[in-house]
Protein backbone atom coordinates (compact mmCIF):
# COMPACT_ATOMS: atom_id res chain seq x y z
CA UNK A 1 -10.15 -29.96 -1.28
CA UNK A 2 -9.67 -33.26 -3.10
CA UNK A 3 -13.43 -33.84 -3.10
CA UNK A 4 -14.07 -30.36 -4.46
CA UNK A 5 -11.38 -30.87 -7.07
CA UNK A 6 -13.25 -33.86 -8.45
CA UNK A 7 -16.49 -31.88 -8.81
CA UNK A 8 -16.95 -30.96 -12.51
CA UNK A 9 -18.89 -27.81 -11.51
CA UNK A 10 -15.91 -26.33 -9.63
CA UNK A 11 -13.05 -24.81 -11.61
CA UNK A 12 -10.68 -24.22 -8.69
CA UNK A 13 -10.74 -24.60 -4.91
CA UNK A 14 -8.14 -23.59 -2.34
CA UNK A 15 -7.85 -22.82 1.36
CA UNK A 16 -8.97 -19.39 2.58
CA UNK A 17 -5.39 -18.41 3.46
CA UNK A 18 -4.66 -16.08 6.38
CA UNK A 19 -2.34 -13.07 6.06
CA UNK A 20 -0.92 -11.21 9.07
CA UNK A 21 0.00 -7.55 9.46
CA UNK A 22 3.58 -6.59 10.34
CA UNK A 23 4.04 -6.31 14.11
CA UNK A 24 4.95 -3.32 16.23
CA UNK A 25 2.07 -0.97 15.43
CA UNK A 26 0.61 1.38 18.07
CA UNK A 27 -3.02 1.14 19.15
CA UNK A 28 -3.68 4.86 19.65
CA UNK A 29 -2.72 8.18 18.07
CA UNK A 30 -2.50 11.71 19.40
CA UNK A 31 -4.64 13.95 17.21
CA UNK A 32 -2.89 16.16 14.67
CA UNK A 33 -3.89 19.75 13.97
CA UNK A 34 -6.94 20.07 11.74
CA UNK A 35 -6.50 18.69 8.22
CA UNK A 36 -8.14 20.58 5.36
CA UNK A 37 -10.34 18.61 2.96
CA UNK A 38 -8.75 17.83 -0.40
CA UNK A 39 -9.64 19.76 -3.52
CA UNK A 40 -12.89 18.87 -5.24
CA UNK A 41 -12.45 16.26 -7.94
CA UNK A 42 -9.09 15.01 -6.67
CA UNK A 43 -8.38 11.29 -7.09
CA UNK A 44 -8.25 9.24 -3.87
CA UNK A 45 -5.61 6.75 -2.82
CA UNK A 46 -6.86 3.55 -1.18
CA UNK A 47 -5.29 1.98 1.90
CA UNK A 48 -6.19 -1.68 2.48
CA UNK A 49 -5.04 -2.33 6.01
CA UNK A 50 -6.21 -2.44 9.64
CA UNK A 51 -8.59 0.50 9.26
CA UNK A 52 -8.48 4.12 10.38
CA UNK A 53 -8.45 5.54 13.91
CA UNK A 54 -11.32 8.07 14.13
CA UNK A 55 -9.27 10.10 16.64
CA UNK A 56 -6.32 10.60 14.30
CA UNK A 57 -7.70 13.74 12.64
CA UNK A 58 -7.85 12.33 9.11
CA UNK A 59 -11.65 12.26 8.79
CA UNK A 60 -11.77 15.29 6.42
CA UNK A 61 -9.72 13.29 3.91
CA UNK A 62 -11.86 10.15 3.89
CA UNK A 63 -13.88 10.04 0.68
CA UNK A 64 -15.00 6.47 1.39
CA UNK A 65 -14.46 3.96 4.17
CA UNK A 66 -15.58 0.43 4.88
CA UNK A 67 -14.98 -2.42 7.30
CA UNK A 68 -14.57 -5.54 5.15
CA UNK A 69 -14.16 -7.71 8.27
CA UNK A 70 -17.35 -6.53 9.99
CA UNK A 71 -19.43 -4.56 7.45
CA UNK A 72 -21.99 -3.47 10.07
CA UNK A 73 -19.38 -1.75 12.23
CA UNK A 74 -18.15 1.83 11.91
CA UNK A 75 -14.62 2.17 10.56
CA UNK A 76 -11.95 2.00 13.29
CA UNK A 77 -8.38 0.76 13.70
CA UNK A 78 -7.73 -1.60 16.63
CA UNK A 79 -4.16 -2.24 15.43
CA UNK A 80 -2.89 1.19 14.37
CA UNK A 81 -0.95 0.06 11.29
CA UNK A 82 -3.59 1.23 8.84
CA UNK A 83 -3.68 4.70 10.38
CA UNK A 84 0.09 4.97 10.06
CA UNK A 85 -0.14 4.08 6.38
CA UNK A 86 -3.03 6.52 5.87
CA UNK A 87 -0.86 9.41 7.16
CA UNK A 88 1.81 8.52 4.59
CA UNK A 89 -0.32 7.51 1.61
CA UNK A 90 -2.42 10.67 1.88
CA UNK A 91 0.67 12.89 2.11
CA UNK A 92 -0.24 14.45 5.46
CA UNK A 93 3.14 13.13 6.65
CA UNK A 94 6.10 11.94 4.61
CA UNK A 95 8.75 9.26 4.87
CA UNK A 96 12.14 10.42 6.16
CA UNK A 97 14.01 12.29 3.44
CA UNK A 98 10.78 13.43 1.78
CA UNK A 99 8.76 16.53 2.56
CA UNK A 100 4.98 16.60 2.67
CA UNK A 101 4.11 18.85 -0.26
CA UNK A 102 0.91 19.87 -1.93
CA UNK A 103 -2.60 19.36 -0.65
CA UNK A 104 -3.27 16.05 1.13
CA UNK A 105 -4.97 13.46 -1.05
CA UNK A 106 -8.40 11.98 -0.37
CA UNK A 107 -8.42 8.54 1.23
CA UNK A 108 -10.37 5.37 0.63
CA UNK A 109 -9.80 3.48 3.88
CA UNK A 110 -10.71 -0.20 4.02
CA UNK A 111 -10.34 -2.26 7.18
CA UNK A 112 -9.34 -5.71 5.94
CA UNK A 113 -7.62 -7.09 9.08
CA UNK A 114 -9.26 -8.16 12.35
CA UNK A 115 -8.30 -7.31 15.95
CA UNK A 116 -5.57 -9.96 15.88
CA UNK A 117 -3.97 -8.45 12.77
CA UNK A 118 -5.18 -11.28 10.53
CA UNK A 119 -7.19 -11.38 7.34
CA UNK A 120 -8.37 -13.91 4.80
CA UNK A 121 -8.24 -13.95 1.04
CA UNK A 122 -12.00 -13.49 0.92
CA UNK A 123 -11.83 -10.26 2.94
CA UNK A 124 -8.97 -8.97 0.77
CA UNK A 125 -10.88 -9.65 -2.43
CA UNK A 126 -13.88 -7.79 -1.01
CA UNK A 127 -11.61 -4.90 -0.05
CA UNK A 128 -10.16 -4.66 -3.56
CA UNK A 129 -13.62 -4.61 -5.09
CA UNK A 130 -14.65 -1.81 -2.73
CA UNK A 131 -11.58 0.28 -3.64
CA UNK A 132 -12.58 0.08 -7.31
CA UNK A 133 -16.17 1.13 -6.57
CA UNK A 134 -14.94 4.02 -4.41
CA UNK A 135 -13.00 5.55 -7.29
CA UNK A 136 -9.44 4.95 -6.11
CA UNK A 137 -6.71 4.74 -8.74
CA UNK A 138 -3.82 3.72 -6.46
CA UNK A 139 -4.03 1.02 -3.78
CA UNK A 140 -1.47 0.61 -1.01
CA UNK A 141 -1.01 -2.85 0.54
CA UNK A 142 1.65 -2.61 3.25
CA UNK A 143 1.55 -6.28 4.21
CA UNK A 144 2.25 -9.66 2.65
CA UNK A 145 2.35 -13.44 2.88
CA UNK A 146 4.67 -16.15 1.62
CA UNK A 147 1.64 -18.05 0.25
CA UNK A 148 0.77 -17.72 -3.43
CA UNK A 149 -2.97 -17.93 -4.02
CA UNK A 150 -4.64 -18.37 -7.39
CA UNK A 151 -7.72 -16.58 -6.11
CA UNK A 152 -5.68 -13.57 -4.94
CA UNK A 153 -3.64 -13.56 -8.15
CA UNK A 154 -6.87 -13.43 -10.16
CA UNK A 155 -8.37 -10.71 -7.94
CA UNK A 156 -5.21 -8.61 -8.41
CA UNK A 157 -5.36 -9.14 -12.18
CA UNK A 158 -8.99 -8.05 -12.29
CA UNK A 159 -8.25 -4.92 -10.23
CA UNK A 160 -5.33 -4.02 -12.50
CA UNK A 161 -7.48 -4.45 -15.61
CA UNK A 162 -9.95 -2.02 -14.04
CA UNK A 163 -7.21 0.61 -13.96
CA UNK A 164 -5.89 0.32 -10.41
CA UNK A 165 -2.18 0.82 -9.74
CA UNK A 166 -1.36 -1.64 -6.97
CA UNK A 167 1.59 -1.14 -4.59
CA UNK A 168 2.77 -3.59 -1.92
CA UNK A 169 5.56 -3.99 0.62
CA UNK A 170 8.32 -6.49 -0.17
CA UNK A 171 8.53 -7.60 3.47
CA UNK A 172 10.63 -7.07 6.58
CA UNK A 173 12.60 -10.32 6.53
CA UNK A 174 15.62 -10.39 4.16
CA UNK A 175 14.98 -13.93 2.93
CA UNK A 176 15.13 -13.19 -0.78
CA UNK A 177 11.92 -15.21 -1.15
CA UNK A 178 8.83 -13.90 -2.91
CA UNK A 179 6.11 -12.25 -0.81
CA UNK A 180 2.55 -11.85 -2.06
CA UNK A 181 0.79 -9.73 -3.27
CA UNK A 182 4.05 -7.83 -3.95
CA UNK A 183 5.39 -10.62 -6.16
CA UNK A 184 2.41 -10.64 -8.53
CA UNK A 185 3.33 -9.10 -11.88
CA UNK A 186 0.48 -6.56 -11.69
CA UNK A 187 1.79 -5.18 -8.37
CA UNK A 188 4.65 -2.73 -7.76
CA UNK A 189 6.83 -4.43 -5.13
CA UNK A 190 8.71 -1.99 -2.90
CA UNK A 191 11.80 -2.68 -0.83
CA UNK A 192 13.31 -0.39 1.78
CA UNK A 193 16.43 1.80 1.91
CA UNK A 194 17.92 4.00 4.60
CA UNK A 195 18.73 7.70 4.54
CA UNK A 196 22.02 6.90 2.80
CA UNK A 197 20.25 5.17 -0.08
CA UNK A 198 21.63 1.81 0.96
CA UNK A 199 19.40 -1.19 1.71
CA UNK A 200 17.65 -1.23 5.07
CA UNK A 201 19.09 -4.24 6.89
CA UNK A 202 15.73 -6.04 7.27
CA UNK A 203 14.30 -5.25 3.85
CA UNK A 204 13.43 -8.24 1.74
CA UNK A 205 15.02 -8.40 -1.70
CA UNK A 206 14.92 -10.51 -4.83
CA UNK A 207 13.96 -10.56 -8.47
CA UNK A 208 10.33 -9.75 -7.64
CA UNK A 209 11.21 -6.32 -6.14
CA UNK A 210 10.54 -3.46 -8.58
CA UNK A 211 12.04 -0.52 -6.69
CA UNK A 212 13.00 0.69 -3.23
CA UNK A 213 12.04 3.75 -1.18
CA UNK A 214 12.77 5.21 2.27
CA UNK A 215 11.82 2.75 4.99
CA UNK A 216 11.60 5.08 8.00
CA UNK A 217 9.19 7.80 9.07
CA UNK A 218 8.38 9.92 12.10
CA UNK A 219 4.68 9.57 12.85
CA UNK A 220 2.44 10.98 15.61
CA UNK A 221 2.93 7.82 17.66
CA UNK A 222 6.71 7.62 17.23
CA UNK A 223 9.46 6.72 14.75
CA UNK A 224 9.07 3.54 12.73
CA UNK A 225 10.92 1.60 10.06
CA UNK A 226 9.75 -1.04 7.59
CA UNK A 227 8.87 -1.68 3.97
CA UNK A 228 5.29 -0.79 4.92
CA UNK A 229 6.49 2.81 4.98
CA UNK A 230 8.32 2.37 1.67
CA UNK A 231 5.17 1.08 0.00
CA UNK A 232 2.97 3.90 1.33
CA UNK A 233 5.53 6.50 0.20
CA UNK A 234 5.45 5.11 -3.34
CA UNK A 235 1.65 4.95 -3.32
CA UNK A 236 1.50 8.64 -2.37
CA UNK A 237 3.90 9.59 -5.17
CA UNK A 238 1.84 7.69 -7.73
CA UNK A 239 -1.41 9.25 -6.52
CA UNK A 240 0.16 12.74 -6.63
CA UNK A 241 1.22 12.11 -10.22
CA UNK A 242 -2.29 11.01 -11.19
CA UNK A 243 -3.81 14.07 -9.59
CA UNK A 244 -1.50 16.21 -11.72
CA UNK A 245 -2.22 14.16 -14.84
CA UNK A 246 -5.64 12.51 -14.37
CA UNK A 247 -5.81 11.26 -17.95
CA UNK A 248 -2.58 9.24 -17.67
CA UNK A 249 -3.00 5.48 -17.98
CA UNK A 250 -1.60 3.06 -15.42
CA UNK A 251 1.08 1.99 -17.91
CA UNK A 252 2.11 5.61 -18.53
CA UNK A 253 2.33 6.31 -14.80
CA UNK A 254 4.46 3.23 -14.15
CA UNK A 255 6.77 4.09 -17.05
CA UNK A 256 7.21 7.67 -15.81
CA UNK A 257 8.05 6.39 -12.33
CA UNK A 258 10.62 3.93 -13.66
CA UNK A 259 12.28 6.66 -15.75
CA UNK A 260 12.60 8.99 -12.74
CA UNK A 261 14.25 6.56 -10.29
CA UNK A 262 17.77 6.96 -8.94
CA UNK A 263 20.16 4.00 -9.26
CA UNK A 264 19.38 1.10 -6.95
CA UNK A 265 21.95 -0.74 -4.82
CA UNK A 266 22.90 -4.18 -6.07
CA UNK A 267 21.37 -7.29 -4.58
CA UNK A 268 17.75 -7.39 -5.67
CA UNK A 269 16.38 -4.04 -4.53
CA UNK A 270 14.70 -3.23 -7.83
CA UNK A 271 15.64 -1.19 -10.86
CA UNK A 272 15.93 2.05 -8.89
CA UNK A 273 15.25 4.03 -5.73
CA UNK A 274 12.52 6.61 -5.20
CA UNK A 275 14.61 9.09 -3.21
CA UNK A 276 13.97 12.82 -2.86
CA UNK A 277 15.68 13.62 -6.18
CA UNK A 278 13.73 10.92 -8.02
CA UNK A 279 10.47 12.17 -6.49
CA UNK A 280 11.19 15.66 -7.84
CA UNK A 281 11.95 14.26 -11.29
CA UNK A 282 8.77 12.18 -11.20
CA UNK A 283 6.41 14.96 -10.18
CA UNK A 284 8.19 17.82 -11.99
CA UNK A 285 9.74 16.32 -15.14
């Protein structure tokens, strides 16, 4: 790195940092009843994660899919986390306290993590570029790292300038320390709350958190809790709003969301909570 830094032809060099998925995901899913395709012309939501299980019954929703880790391989999900998030981000299933309403949204599914639940900055940057090309307007990133990367920060900035609304989990360790990409200013950082609206015990917190949302959900493979779920729930709400108002800008959508939130608990859990009442205000002002 020092040698590269002295090269006048190189503006910036850094390690190709590794990010890991949250643990505890299943590796297989029982198939759901048939899912109807979304309405023609509806705007997809992108899920950058461990992929999509072809047996999960979500194929009718997939408007685009790609394996950024192994581009020659068909899209799959060896980990299971990405399929969980796809159920929630598409609106086929909802976080606890919410109800799945309206037609499911189309999905752009990108496998950005390998069989060991790891990815690199290069793969993530490729995944973001693909989401833009595939026509997504909202991107869910239910994972994070404590490492700040100038390359990732720039990639996020570019994606935001191209009109993407980026959502990320604040993390499942209550350290109060920033987690990336959630902590980047162009990303909506989501913490987790329980059914009572109070902070989930393991939710991260801090000044970088923008809002909180329900952290638990009942999925085909069982019941789970984590800010991954909170992030996917917010991504679905944002994508629903855009499908109702396709001409809204990213700034207008974010402002409408902020105005609809319920009060947040003290302690760094954002400016508000997206609970069931806030979701109704957001989608039906």
